[in-house]
């Protein structure tokens, strides 16, 4: 479901199109969130860890997966890295 009010999009996220071994979780700032082209709310069971709240597309080949806390973001990123080809 598309999110109209971007103020809802908070937490920590990472660009899941980047190298999972080097990408870092970053805090979602109002300026960064405003730059996203679109954001959708993810269902609780919609990711391997169940902790991703939002997925937001940015310019170029960037798409951020966003969790509520830094630890949840790092856990999701680590899970993706472990399952990468």
PDB file of N, CA and C in Angstrom:
ATOM      1  N   UNK A   1       0.841  -1.174   0.000  1.00  0.00           N
ATOM      2  CA  UNK A   1       0.000   0.000   0.000  1.00  0.00           C
ATOM      3  C   UNK A   1       0.895   1.250   0.000  1.00  0.00           C
ATOM      4  N   UNK A   2       0.647   2.128  -0.949  1.00  0.00           N
ATOM      5  CA  UNK A   2       1.416   3.372  -1.074  1.00  0.00           C
ATOM      6  C   UNK A   2       1.184   4.259   0.148  1.00  0.00           C
ATOM      7  N   UNK A   3       2.254   4.855   0.639  1.00  0.00           N
ATOM      8  CA  UNK A   3       2.167   5.738   1.799  1.00  0.00           C
ATOM      9  C   UNK A   3       2.094   7.179   1.313  1.00  0.00           C
ATOM     10  N   UNK A   4       1.038   7.864   1.711  1.00  0.00           N
ATOM     11  CA  UNK A   4       0.856   9.266   1.318  1.00  0.00           C
ATOM     12  C   UNK A   4       1.612  10.202   2.257  1.00  0.00           C
ATOM     13  N   UNK A   5       1.525   9.943   3.564  1.00  0.00           N
ATOM     14  CA  UNK A   5       2.172  10.808   4.554  1.00  0.00           C
ATOM     15  C   UNK A   5       3.555  10.252   4.874  1.00  0.00           C
ATOM     16  N   UNK A   6       4.567  10.836   4.273  1.00  0.00           N
ATOM     17  CA  UNK A   6       5.937  10.336   4.449  1.00  0.00           C
ATOM     18  C   UNK A   6       6.448  10.508   5.880  1.00  0.00           C
ATOM     19  N   UNK A   7       5.767  11.307   6.703  1.00  0.00           N
ATOM     20  CA  UNK A   7       6.181  11.459   8.103  1.00  0.00           C
ATOM     21  C   UNK A   7       6.103  10.122   8.839  1.00  0.00           C
ATOM     22  N   UNK A   8       5.310   9.190   8.309  1.00  0.00           N
ATOM     23  CA  UNK A   8       5.216   7.845   8.900  1.00  0.00           C
ATOM     24  C   UNK A   8       6.507   7.052   8.729  1.00  0.00           C
ATOM     25  N   UNK A   9       7.279   7.390   7.703  1.00  0.00           N
ATOM     26  CA  UNK A   9       8.462   6.600   7.345  1.00  0.00           C
ATOM     27  C   UNK A   9       9.628   7.019   8.237  1.00  0.00           C
ATOM     28  N   UNK A  10       9.833   6.244   9.278  1.00  0.00           N
ATOM     29  CA  UNK A  10      10.909   6.506  10.237  1.00  0.00           C
ATOM     30  C   UNK A  10      11.657   5.209  10.489  1.00  0.00           C
ATOM     31  N   UNK A  11      12.791   5.311  11.138  1.00  0.00           N
ATOM     32  CA  UNK A  11      13.568   4.135  11.499  1.00  0.00           C
ATOM     33  C   UNK A  11      14.920   4.141  10.825  1.00  0.00           C
ATOM     34  N   UNK A  12      15.412   2.942  10.530  1.00  0.00           N
ATOM     35  CA  UNK A  12      16.731   2.758   9.923  1.00  0.00           C
ATOM     36  C   UNK A  12      16.585   1.858   8.710  1.00  0.00           C
ATOM     37  N   UNK A  13      17.317   2.198   7.655  1.00  0.00           N
ATOM     38  CA  UNK A  13      17.200   1.410   6.444  1.00  0.00           C
ATOM     39  C   UNK A  13      18.508   1.275   5.702  1.00  0.00           C
ATOM     40  N   UNK A  14      18.480   0.427   4.681  1.00  0.00           N
ATOM     41  CA  UNK A  14      19.653   0.218   3.832  1.00  0.00           C
ATOM     42  C   UNK A  14      19.191   0.020   2.402  1.00  0.00           C
ATOM     43  N   UNK A  15      20.068   0.383   1.471  1.00  0.00           N
ATOM     44  CA  UNK A  15      19.799   0.193   0.047  1.00  0.00           C
ATOM     45  C   UNK A  15      20.046  -1.276  -0.273  1.00  0.00           C
ATOM     46  N   UNK A  16      18.992  -2.022  -0.482  1.00  0.00           N
ATOM     47  CA  UNK A  16      19.161  -3.463  -0.674  1.00  0.00           C
ATOM     48  C   UNK A  16      19.656  -3.824  -2.064  1.00  0.00           C
ATOM     49  N   UNK A  17      19.825  -2.836  -2.956  1.00  0.00           N
ATOM     50  CA  UNK A  17      20.444  -3.100  -4.259  1.00  0.00           C
ATOM     51  C   UNK A  17      21.966  -2.988  -4.179  1.00  0.00           C
ATOM     52  N   UNK A  18      22.482  -2.475  -3.071  1.00  0.00           N
ATOM     53  CA  UNK A  18      23.931  -2.323  -2.900  1.00  0.00           C
ATOM     54  C   UNK A  18      24.539  -3.645  -2.422  1.00  0.00           C
ATOM     55  N   UNK A  19      25.853  -3.693  -2.385  1.00  0.00           N
ATOM     56  CA  UNK A  19      26.579  -4.877  -1.914  1.00  0.00           C
ATOM     57  C   UNK A  19      26.236  -5.116  -0.442  1.00  0.00           C
ATOM     58  N   UNK A  20      25.608  -6.243  -0.103  1.00  0.00           N
ATOM     59  CA  UNK A  20      25.194  -6.478   1.279  1.00  0.00           C
ATOM     60  C   UNK A  20      26.355  -6.565   2.263  1.00  0.00           C
ATOM     61  N   UNK A  21      27.553  -6.824   1.762  1.00  0.00           N
ATOM     62  CA  UNK A  21      28.701  -6.908   2.666  1.00  0.00           C
ATOM     63  C   UNK A  21      29.241  -5.539   3.051  1.00  0.00           C
ATOM     64  N   UNK A  22      28.918  -4.503   2.279  1.00  0.00           N
ATOM     65  CA  UNK A  22      29.471  -3.176   2.568  1.00  0.00           C
ATOM     66  C   UNK A  22      28.413  -2.120   2.883  1.00  0.00           C
ATOM     67  N   UNK A  23      27.157  -2.355   2.512  1.00  0.00           N
ATOM     68  CA  UNK A  23      26.115  -1.357   2.755  1.00  0.00           C
ATOM     69  C   UNK A  23      25.873  -1.214   4.257  1.00  0.00           C
ATOM     70  N   UNK A  24      25.520  -0.012   4.678  1.00  0.00           N
ATOM     71  CA  UNK A  24      25.292   0.274   6.103  1.00  0.00           C
ATOM     72  C   UNK A  24      23.835   0.681   6.326  1.00  0.00           C
ATOM     73  N   UNK A  25      23.338   0.408   7.510  1.00  0.00           N
ATOM     74  CA  UNK A  25      22.027   0.906   7.915  1.00  0.00           C
ATOM     75  C   UNK A  25      22.176   2.374   8.294  1.00  0.00           C
ATOM     76  N   UNK A  26      21.258   3.189   7.802  1.00  0.00           N
ATOM     77  CA  UNK A  26      21.306   4.618   8.108  1.00  0.00           C
ATOM     78  C   UNK A  26      19.955   5.072   8.644  1.00  0.00           C
ATOM     79  N   UNK A  27      19.989   6.142   9.444  1.00  0.00           N
ATOM     80  CA  UNK A  27      18.762   6.714  10.000  1.00  0.00           C
ATOM     81  C   UNK A  27      17.990   7.407   8.884  1.00  0.00           C
ATOM     82  N   UNK A  28      16.697   7.189   8.865  1.00  0.00           N
ATOM     83  CA  UNK A  28      15.844   7.839   7.878  1.00  0.00           C
ATOM     84  C   UNK A  28      15.555   9.264   8.346  1.00  0.00           C
ATOM     85  N   UNK A  29      16.156  10.225   7.687  1.00  0.00           N
ATOM     86  CA  UNK A  29      15.941  11.636   8.012  1.00  0.00           C
ATOM     87  C   UNK A  29      14.798  12.178   7.156  1.00  0.00           C
ATOM     88  N   UNK A  30      14.161  13.269   7.588  1.00  0.00           N
ATOM     89  CA  UNK A  30      13.099  13.857   6.763  1.00  0.00           C
ATOM     90  C   UNK A  30      13.577  14.205   5.352  1.00  0.00           C
ATOM     91  N   UNK A  31      14.798  14.701   5.215  1.00  0.00           N
ATOM     92  CA  UNK A  31      15.319  15.061   3.888  1.00  0.00           C
ATOM     93  C   UNK A  31      15.474  13.823   3.002  1.00  0.00           C
ATOM     94  N   UNK A  32      15.993  12.740   3.555  1.00  0.00           N
ATOM     95  CA  UNK A  32      16.156  11.511   2.775  1.00  0.00           C
ATOM     96  C   UNK A  32      14.792  10.953   2.371  1.00  0.00           C
ATOM     97  N   UNK A  33      13.879  10.883   3.325  1.00  0.00           N
ATOM     98  CA  UNK A  33      12.545  10.344   3.046  1.00  0.00           C
ATOM     99  C   UNK A  33      11.837  11.185   1.980  1.00  0.00           C
ATOM    100  N   UNK A  34      11.997  12.507   2.027  1.00  0.00           N
ATOM    101  CA  UNK A  34      11.369  13.388   1.032  1.00  0.00           C
ATOM    102  C   UNK A  34      11.916  13.136  -0.371  1.00  0.00           C
ATOM    103  N   UNK A  35      13.139  12.621  -0.466  1.00  0.00           N
ATOM    104  CA  UNK A  35      13.749  12.377  -1.777  1.00  0.00           C
ATOM    105  C   UNK A  35      13.271  11.077  -2.430  1.00  0.00           C
ATOM    106  N   UNK A  36      12.588  10.224  -1.677  1.00  0.00           N
ATOM    107  CA  UNK A  36      12.120   8.955  -2.226  1.00  0.00           C
ATOM    108  C   UNK A  36      11.008   9.190  -3.245  1.00  0.00           C
ATOM    109  N   UNK A  37      11.023   8.382  -4.309  1.00  0.00           N
ATOM    110  CA  UNK A  37       9.982   8.477  -5.340  1.00  0.00           C
ATOM    111  C   UNK A  37       8.669   7.868  -4.855  1.00  0.00           C
ATOM    112  N   UNK A  38       8.766   6.790  -4.094  1.00  0.00           N
ATOM    113  CA  UNK A  38       7.565   6.133  -3.577  1.00  0.00           C
ATOM    114  C   UNK A  38       7.937   5.276  -2.379  1.00  0.00           C
ATOM    115  N   UNK A  39       6.954   5.057  -1.520  1.00  0.00           N
ATOM    116  CA  UNK A  39       7.136   4.186  -0.354  1.00  0.00           C
ATOM    117  C   UNK A  39       5.886   3.333  -0.184  1.00  0.00           C
ATOM    118  N   UNK A  40       6.116   2.073   0.169  1.00  0.00           N
ATOM    119  CA  UNK A  40       5.004   1.185   0.480  1.00  0.00           C
ATOM    120  C   UNK A  40       5.221   0.593   1.863  1.00  0.00           C
ATOM    121  N   UNK A  41       4.105   0.287   2.509  1.00  0.00           N
ATOM    122  CA  UNK A  41       4.163  -0.385   3.810  1.00  0.00           C
ATOM    123  C   UNK A  41       4.275  -1.878   3.547  1.00  0.00           C
ATOM    124  N   UNK A  42       5.203  -2.529   4.222  1.00  0.00           N
ATOM    125  CA  UNK A  42       5.376  -3.979   4.086  1.00  0.00           C
ATOM    126  C   UNK A  42       4.564  -4.672   5.172  1.00  0.00           C
ATOM    127  N   UNK A  43       3.976  -5.785   4.824  1.00  0.00           N
ATOM    128  CA  UNK A  43       3.249  -6.590   5.803  1.00  0.00           C
ATOM    129  C   UNK A  43       4.254  -7.248   6.738  1.00  0.00           C
ATOM    130  N   UNK A  44       3.858  -7.551   7.958  1.00  0.00           N
ATOM    131  CA  UNK A  44       4.785  -8.073   8.958  1.00  0.00           C
ATOM    132  C   UNK A  44       5.508  -9.330   8.506  1.00  0.00           C
ATOM    133  N   UNK A  45       4.850 -10.247   7.850  1.00  0.00           N
ATOM    134  CA  UNK A  45       5.491 -11.487   7.421  1.00  0.00           C
ATOM    135  C   UNK A  45       6.066 -11.415   6.017  1.00  0.00           C
ATOM    136  N   UNK A  46       6.232 -10.196   5.506  1.00  0.00           N
ATOM    137  CA  UNK A  46       6.603  -9.990   4.108  1.00  0.00           C
ATOM    138  C   UNK A  46       8.109  -9.972   3.871  1.00  0.00           C
ATOM    139  N   UNK A  47       8.906 -10.260   4.885  1.00  0.00           N
ATOM    140  CA  UNK A  47      10.360 -10.311   4.710  1.00  0.00           C
ATOM    141  C   UNK A  47      10.893 -11.501   5.493  1.00  0.00           C
ATOM    142  N   UNK A  48      12.124 -11.867   5.221  1.00  0.00           N
ATOM    143  CA  UNK A  48      12.693 -13.043   5.890  1.00  0.00           C
ATOM    144  C   UNK A  48      12.748 -12.876   7.399  1.00  0.00           C
ATOM    145  N   UNK A  49      12.980 -11.648   7.868  1.00  0.00           N
ATOM    146  CA  UNK A  49      13.083 -11.426   9.306  1.00  0.00           C
ATOM    147  C   UNK A  49      11.780 -10.931   9.912  1.00  0.00           C
ATOM    148  N   UNK A  50      10.832 -10.480   9.079  1.00  0.00           N
ATOM    149  CA  UNK A  50       9.563  -9.969   9.580  1.00  0.00           C
ATOM    150  C   UNK A  50       9.660  -8.599  10.212  1.00  0.00           C
ATOM    151  N   UNK A  51      10.800  -7.928  10.077  1.00  0.00           N
ATOM    152  CA  UNK A  51      11.000  -6.649  10.755  1.00  0.00           C
ATOM    153  C   UNK A  51      10.965  -5.446   9.825  1.00  0.00           C
ATOM    154  N   UNK A  52      10.897  -5.657   8.526  1.00  0.00           N
ATOM    155  CA  UNK A  52      10.909  -4.539   7.585  1.00  0.00           C
ATOM    156  C   UNK A  52       9.520  -3.895   7.556  1.00  0.00           C
ATOM    157  N   UNK A  53       9.465  -2.574   7.861  1.00  0.00           N
ATOM    158  CA  UNK A  53       8.195  -1.847   7.894  1.00  0.00           C
ATOM    159  C   UNK A  53       7.851  -1.220   6.554  1.00  0.00           C
ATOM    160  N   UNK A  54       8.885  -0.713   5.852  1.00  0.00           N
ATOM    161  CA  UNK A  54       8.659   0.027   4.618  1.00  0.00           C
ATOM    162  C   UNK A  54       9.676  -0.367   3.556  1.00  0.00           C
ATOM    163  N   UNK A  55       9.283  -0.173   2.311  1.00  0.00           N
ATOM    164  CA  UNK A  55      10.211  -0.258   1.190  1.00  0.00           C
ATOM    165  C   UNK A  55      10.010   1.013   0.388  1.00  0.00           C
ATOM    166  N   UNK A  56      11.110   1.763   0.177  1.00  0.00           N
ATOM    167  CA  UNK A  56      11.032   3.038  -0.527  1.00  0.00           C
ATOM    168  C   UNK A  56      12.007   3.049  -1.692  1.00  0.00           C
ATOM    169  N   UNK A  57      11.497   3.465  -2.851  1.00  0.00           N
ATOM    170  CA  UNK A  57      12.331   3.570  -4.045  1.00  0.00           C
ATOM    171  C   UNK A  57      12.881   4.979  -4.161  1.00  0.00           C
ATOM    172  N   UNK A  58      14.171   5.061  -4.448  1.00  0.00           N
ATOM    173  CA  UNK A  58      14.855   6.340  -4.625  1.00  0.00           C
ATOM    174  C   UNK A  58      15.317   6.439  -6.073  1.00  0.00           C
ATOM    175  N   UNK A  59      16.094   7.441  -6.367  1.00  0.00           N
ATOM    176  CA  UNK A  59      16.574   7.625  -7.736  1.00  0.00           C
ATOM    177  C   UNK A  59      17.593   6.548  -8.101  1.00  0.00           C
ATOM    178  N   UNK A  60      17.727   6.323  -9.398  1.00  0.00           N
ATOM    179  CA  UNK A  60      18.696   5.337  -9.868  1.00  0.00           C
ATOM    180  C   UNK A  60      18.321   3.943  -9.423  1.00  0.00           C
ATOM    181  N   UNK A  61      19.322   3.163  -9.085  1.00  0.00           N
ATOM    182  CA  UNK A  61      19.122   1.769  -8.688  1.00  0.00           C
ATOM    183  C   UNK A  61      19.146   1.654  -7.168  1.00  0.00           C
ATOM    184  N   UNK A  62      18.365   2.486  -6.489  1.00  0.00           N
ATOM    185  CA  UNK A  62      18.332   2.462  -5.031  1.00  0.00           C
ATOM    186  C   UNK A  62      16.919   2.162  -4.553  1.00  0.00           C
ATOM    187  N   UNK A  63      16.835   1.235  -3.628  1.00  0.00           N
ATOM    188  CA  UNK A  63      15.574   0.902  -2.989  1.00  0.00           C
ATOM    189  C   UNK A  63      15.901   0.554  -1.545  1.00  0.00           C
ATOM    190  N   UNK A  64      15.270   1.251  -0.626  1.00  0.00           N
ATOM    191  CA  UNK A  64      15.586   1.092   0.789  1.00  0.00           C
ATOM    192  C   UNK A  64      14.570   0.210   1.487  1.00  0.00           C
ATOM    193  N   UNK A  65      15.075  -0.728   2.279  1.00  0.00           N
ATOM    194  CA  UNK A  65      14.257  -1.506   3.195  1.00  0.00           C
ATOM    195  C   UNK A  65      14.446  -0.868   4.562  1.00  0.00           C
ATOM    196  N   UNK A  66      13.341  -0.586   5.254  1.00  0.00           N
ATOM    197  CA  UNK A  66      13.391   0.215   6.476  1.00  0.00           C
ATOM    198  C   UNK A  66      12.739  -0.540   7.625  1.00  0.00           C
ATOM    199  N   UNK A  67      13.471  -0.618   8.740  1.00  0.00           N
ATOM    200  CA  UNK A  67      12.996  -1.260   9.965  1.00  0.00           C
ATOM    201  C   UNK A  67      12.858  -0.200  11.057  1.00  0.00           C
ATOM    202  N   UNK A  68      12.210  -0.561  12.150  1.00  0.00           N
ATOM    203  CA  UNK A  68      11.975   0.391  13.233  1.00  0.00           C
ATOM    204  C   UNK A  68      13.258   0.759  13.975  1.00  0.00           C
ATOM    205  N   UNK A  69      14.136  -0.217  14.191  1.00  0.00           N
ATOM    206  CA  UNK A  69      15.332   0.032  14.998  1.00  0.00           C
ATOM    207  C   UNK A  69      16.601  -0.291  14.211  1.00  0.00           C
ATOM    208  N   UNK A  70      17.705   0.235  14.693  1.00  0.00           N
ATOM    209  CA  UNK A  70      18.994  -0.041  14.065  1.00  0.00           C
ATOM    210  C   UNK A  70      19.303  -1.535  14.121  1.00  0.00           C
ATOM    211  N   UNK A  71      19.032  -2.181  15.247  1.00  0.00           N
ATOM    212  CA  UNK A  71      19.303  -3.619  15.368  1.00  0.00           C
ATOM    213  C   UNK A  71      18.465  -4.421  14.376  1.00  0.00           C
ATOM    214  N   UNK A  72      17.188  -4.091  14.238  1.00  0.00           N
ATOM    215  CA  UNK A  72      16.341  -4.800  13.276  1.00  0.00           C
ATOM    216  C   UNK A  72      16.849  -4.604  11.855  1.00  0.00           C
ATOM    217  N   UNK A  73      17.303  -3.393  11.545  1.00  0.00           N
ATOM    218  CA  UNK A  73      17.855  -3.110  10.221  1.00  0.00           C
ATOM    219  C   UNK A  73      19.105  -3.958   9.984  1.00  0.00           C
ATOM    220  N   UNK A  74      19.992  -3.983  10.962  1.00  0.00           N
ATOM    221  CA  UNK A  74      21.230  -4.749  10.817  1.00  0.00           C
ATOM    222  C   UNK A  74      20.946  -6.242  10.694  1.00  0.00           C
ATOM    223  N   UNK A  75      19.988  -6.736  11.466  1.00  0.00           N
ATOM    224  CA  UNK A  75      19.621  -8.154  11.375  1.00  0.00           C
ATOM    225  C   UNK A  75      19.076  -8.492   9.988  1.00  0.00           C
ATOM    226  N   UNK A  76      18.216  -7.620   9.441  1.00  0.00           N
ATOM    227  CA  UNK A  76      17.656  -7.852   8.106  1.00  0.00           C
ATOM    228  C   UNK A  76      18.754  -7.810   7.050  1.00  0.00           C
ATOM    229  N   UNK A  77      19.655  -6.847   7.166  1.00  0.00           N
ATOM    230  CA  UNK A  77      20.768  -6.721   6.217  1.00  0.00           C
ATOM    231  C   UNK A  77      21.671  -7.948   6.293  1.00  0.00           C
ATOM    232  N   UNK A  78      21.981  -8.384   7.502  1.00  0.00           N
ATOM    233  CA  UNK A  78      22.836  -9.560   7.680  1.00  0.00           C
ATOM    234  C   UNK A  78      22.179 -10.820   7.110  1.00  0.00           C
ATOM    235  N   UNK A  79      20.866 -10.947   7.285  1.00  0.00           N
ATOM    236  CA  UNK A  79      20.141 -12.089   6.733  1.00  0.00           C
ATOM    237  C   UNK A  79      20.209 -12.076   5.215  1.00  0.00           C
ATOM    238  N   UNK A  80      20.025 -10.900   4.621  1.00  0.00           N
ATOM    239  CA  UNK A  80      20.111 -10.798   3.158  1.00  0.00           C
ATOM    240  C   UNK A  80      21.518 -11.128   2.674  1.00  0.00           C
ATOM    241  N   UNK A  81      22.528 -10.658   3.400  1.00  0.00           N
ATOM    242  CA  UNK A  81      23.915 -10.935   3.012  1.00  0.00           C
ATOM    243  C   UNK A  81      24.203 -12.435   3.087  1.00  0.00           C
ATOM    244  N   UNK A  82      23.684 -13.093   4.120  1.00  0.00           N
ATOM    245  CA  UNK A  82      23.921 -14.529   4.287  1.00  0.00           C
ATOM    246  C   UNK A  82      23.250 -15.345   3.181  1.00  0.00           C
ATOM    247  N   UNK A  83      22.159 -14.826   2.636  1.00  0.00           N
ATOM    248  CA  UNK A  83      21.421 -15.549   1.600  1.00  0.00           C
ATOM    249  C   UNK A  83      21.765 -15.094   0.189  1.00  0.00           C
ATOM    250  N   UNK A  84      22.694 -14.160   0.063  1.00  0.00           N
ATOM    251  CA  UNK A  84      23.077 -13.651  -1.262  1.00  0.00           C
ATOM    252  C   UNK A  84      23.831 -14.734  -2.036  1.00  0.00           C
ATOM    253  N   UNK A  85      23.704 -14.705  -3.367  1.00  0.00           N
ATOM    254  CA  UNK A  85      24.410 -15.715  -4.173  1.00  0.00           C
ATOM    255  C   UNK A  85      25.919 -15.541  -4.123  1.00  0.00           C
TER     256      UNK A  85
END
